[in-house]
C-alpha atoms as a PDB file:
ATOM      1  CA  UNK A   1     167.001-212.988 147.347  1.00  0.00           C
ATOM      2  CA  UNK A   2     165.753-209.464 148.029  1.00  0.00           C
ATOM      3  CA  UNK A   3     163.332-209.703 145.091  1.00  0.00           C
ATOM      4  CA  UNK A   4     161.953-212.981 146.469  1.00  0.00           C
ATOM      5  CA  UNK A   5     161.437-211.397 149.896  1.00  0.00           C
ATOM      6  CA  UNK A   6     159.744-208.318 148.451  1.00  0.00           C
ATOM      7  CA  UNK A   7     157.404-210.521 146.390  1.00  0.00           C
ATOM      8  CA  UNK A   8     156.533-212.244 149.684  1.00  0.00           C
ATOM      9  CA  UNK A   9     155.466-208.879 151.107  1.00  0.00           C
ATOM     10  CA  UNK A  10     158.521-208.414 153.316  1.00  0.00           C
ATOM     11  CA  UNK A  11     159.745-204.884 154.092  1.00  0.00           C
ATOM     12  CA  UNK A  12     163.418-205.389 153.188  1.00  0.00           C
ATOM     13  CA  UNK A  13     165.654-202.347 153.666  1.00  0.00           C
ATOM     14  CA  UNK A  14     169.025-203.892 152.813  1.00  0.00           C
ATOM     15  CA  UNK A  15     171.051-207.054 152.413  1.00  0.00           C
ATOM     16  CA  UNK A  16     174.758-207.749 152.733  1.00  0.00           C
ATOM     17  CA  UNK A  17     176.618-210.997 152.136  1.00  0.00           C
ATOM     18  CA  UNK A  18     180.068-211.781 153.522  1.00  0.00           C
ATOM     19  CA  UNK A  19     181.966-214.755 152.149  1.00  0.00           C
ATOM     20  CA  UNK A  20     184.700-216.916 153.610  1.00  0.00           C
ATOM     21  CA  UNK A  21     186.338-219.536 151.450  1.00  0.00           C
ATOM     22  CA  UNK A  22     189.004-222.205 151.212  1.00  0.00           C
ATOM     23  CA  UNK A  23     190.786-223.287 148.057  1.00  0.00           C
ATOM     24  CA  UNK A  24     192.570-226.458 147.021  1.00  0.00           C
ATOM     25  CA  UNK A  25     196.323-226.328 147.765  1.00  0.00           C
ATOM     26  CA  UNK A  26     197.357-227.351 144.248  1.00  0.00           C
ATOM     27  CA  UNK A  27     196.449-226.139 140.790  1.00  0.00           C
ATOM     28  CA  UNK A  28     193.827-225.482 139.552  1.00  0.00           C
ATOM     29  CA  UNK A  29     193.163-224.316 143.156  1.00  0.00           C
ATOM     30  CA  UNK A  30     189.397-224.551 142.917  1.00  0.00           C
ATOM     31  CA  UNK A  31     187.233-223.446 145.810  1.00  0.00           C
ATOM     32  CA  UNK A  32     186.614-226.344 148.190  1.00  0.00           C
ATOM     33  CA  UNK A  33     184.560-224.580 150.879  1.00  0.00           C
ATOM     34  CA  UNK A  34     182.483-221.418 150.778  1.00  0.00           C
ATOM     35  CA  UNK A  35     180.503-219.955 153.662  1.00  0.00           C
ATOM     36  CA  UNK A  36     177.966-217.182 153.017  1.00  0.00           C
ATOM     37  CA  UNK A  37     176.729-215.014 155.882  1.00  0.00           C
ATOM     38  CA  UNK A  38     173.692-212.902 154.975  1.00  0.00           C
ATOM     39  CA  UNK A  39     172.744-209.836 157.018  1.00  0.00           C
ATOM     40  CA  UNK A  40     169.217-208.792 156.102  1.00  0.00           C
ATOM     41  CA  UNK A  41     167.788-205.500 157.359  1.00  0.00           C
ATOM     42  CA  UNK A  42     164.135-204.523 157.398  1.00  0.00           C
ATOM     43  CA  UNK A  43     160.920-204.178 159.344  1.00  0.00           C
ATOM     44  CA  UNK A  44     159.034-207.177 160.672  1.00  0.00           C
ATOM     45  CA  UNK A  45     160.972-209.692 158.576  1.00  0.00           C
ATOM     46  CA  UNK A  46     159.822-213.263 159.062  1.00  0.00           C
ATOM     47  CA  UNK A  47     162.690-215.631 159.770  1.00  0.00           C
ATOM     48  CA  UNK A  48     161.158-218.535 157.843  1.00  0.00           C
ATOM     49  CA  UNK A  49     160.663-216.375 154.725  1.00  0.00           C
ATOM     50  CA  UNK A  50     164.254-215.103 154.856  1.00  0.00           C
ATOM     51  CA  UNK A  51     165.529-218.664 155.176  1.00  0.00           C
ATOM     52  CA  UNK A  52     163.310-219.793 152.287  1.00  0.00           C
ATOM     53  CA  UNK A  53     164.454-216.900 150.044  1.00  0.00           C
ATOM     54  CA  UNK A  54     168.130-217.689 150.697  1.00  0.00           C
ATOM     55  CA  UNK A  55     167.605-221.380 149.983  1.00  0.00           C
ATOM     56  CA  UNK A  56     165.546-220.724 146.835  1.00  0.00           C
ATOM     57  CA  UNK A  57     167.995-218.199 145.423  1.00  0.00           C
ATOM     58  CA  UNK A  58     170.933-220.512 146.140  1.00  0.00           C
ATOM     59  CA  UNK A  59     169.387-223.730 144.815  1.00  0.00           C
ATOM     60  CA  UNK A  60     167.371-222.425 141.868  1.00  0.00           C
ATOM     61  CA  UNK A  61     168.296-218.950 140.644  1.00  0.00           C
ATOM     62  CA  UNK A  62     171.990-218.266 141.320  1.00  0.00           C
ATOM     63  CA  UNK A  63     174.046-219.779 138.511  1.00  0.00           C
ATOM     64  CA  UNK A  64     177.298-218.923 140.323  1.00  0.00           C
ATOM     65  CA  UNK A  65     176.258-220.907 143.411  1.00  0.00           C
ATOM     66  CA  UNK A  66     175.181-223.827 141.267  1.00  0.00           C
ATOM     67  CA  UNK A  67     178.497-223.878 139.363  1.00  0.00           C
ATOM     68  CA  UNK A  68     180.647-223.423 142.472  1.00  0.00           C
ATOM     69  CA  UNK A  69     178.631-226.103 144.266  1.00  0.00           C
ATOM     70  CA  UNK A  70     180.114-228.649 141.854  1.00  0.00           C
ATOM     71  CA  UNK A  71     183.529-228.371 143.546  1.00  0.00           C
ATOM     72  CA  UNK A  72     182.868-226.632 146.859  1.00  0.00           C
ATOM     73  CA  UNK A  73     180.871-227.343 149.968  1.00  0.00           C
ATOM     74  CA  UNK A  74     178.648-224.261 150.321  1.00  0.00           C
ATOM     75  CA  UNK A  75     177.172-223.358 153.695  1.00  0.00           C
ATOM     76  CA  UNK A  76     174.940-220.431 154.597  1.00  0.00           C
ATOM     77  CA  UNK A  77     173.614-218.641 157.629  1.00  0.00           C
ATOM     78  CA  UNK A  78     171.917-215.324 158.239  1.00  0.00           C
ATOM     79  CA  UNK A  79     171.092-212.615 160.715  1.00  0.00           C
ATOM     80  CA  UNK A  80     168.086-210.317 160.672  1.00  0.00           C
ATOM     81  CA  UNK A  81     168.447-206.723 161.835  1.00  0.00           C
ATOM     82  CA  UNK A  82     165.225-204.917 162.703  1.00  0.00           C
ATOM     83  CA  UNK A  83     165.104-201.315 161.491  1.00  0.00           C
END
């Protein structure tokens, strides 16, 4: 996601992702829900470009998200911190 933002000319200084999840109660106890909260730090970051980078990385480039999305509902949100 950071690479996508930098290619878009965004001055990204850092990115952190916190996850919350739920698993099935019985074996094989696969993940059923995953929520990702992105905190993106930088200067003059454009909200629409951050949202686009998160969506693109999740839907196209992240093999883990694509695999987990087969069994889990994945939701995302983000916050931008100006530095």
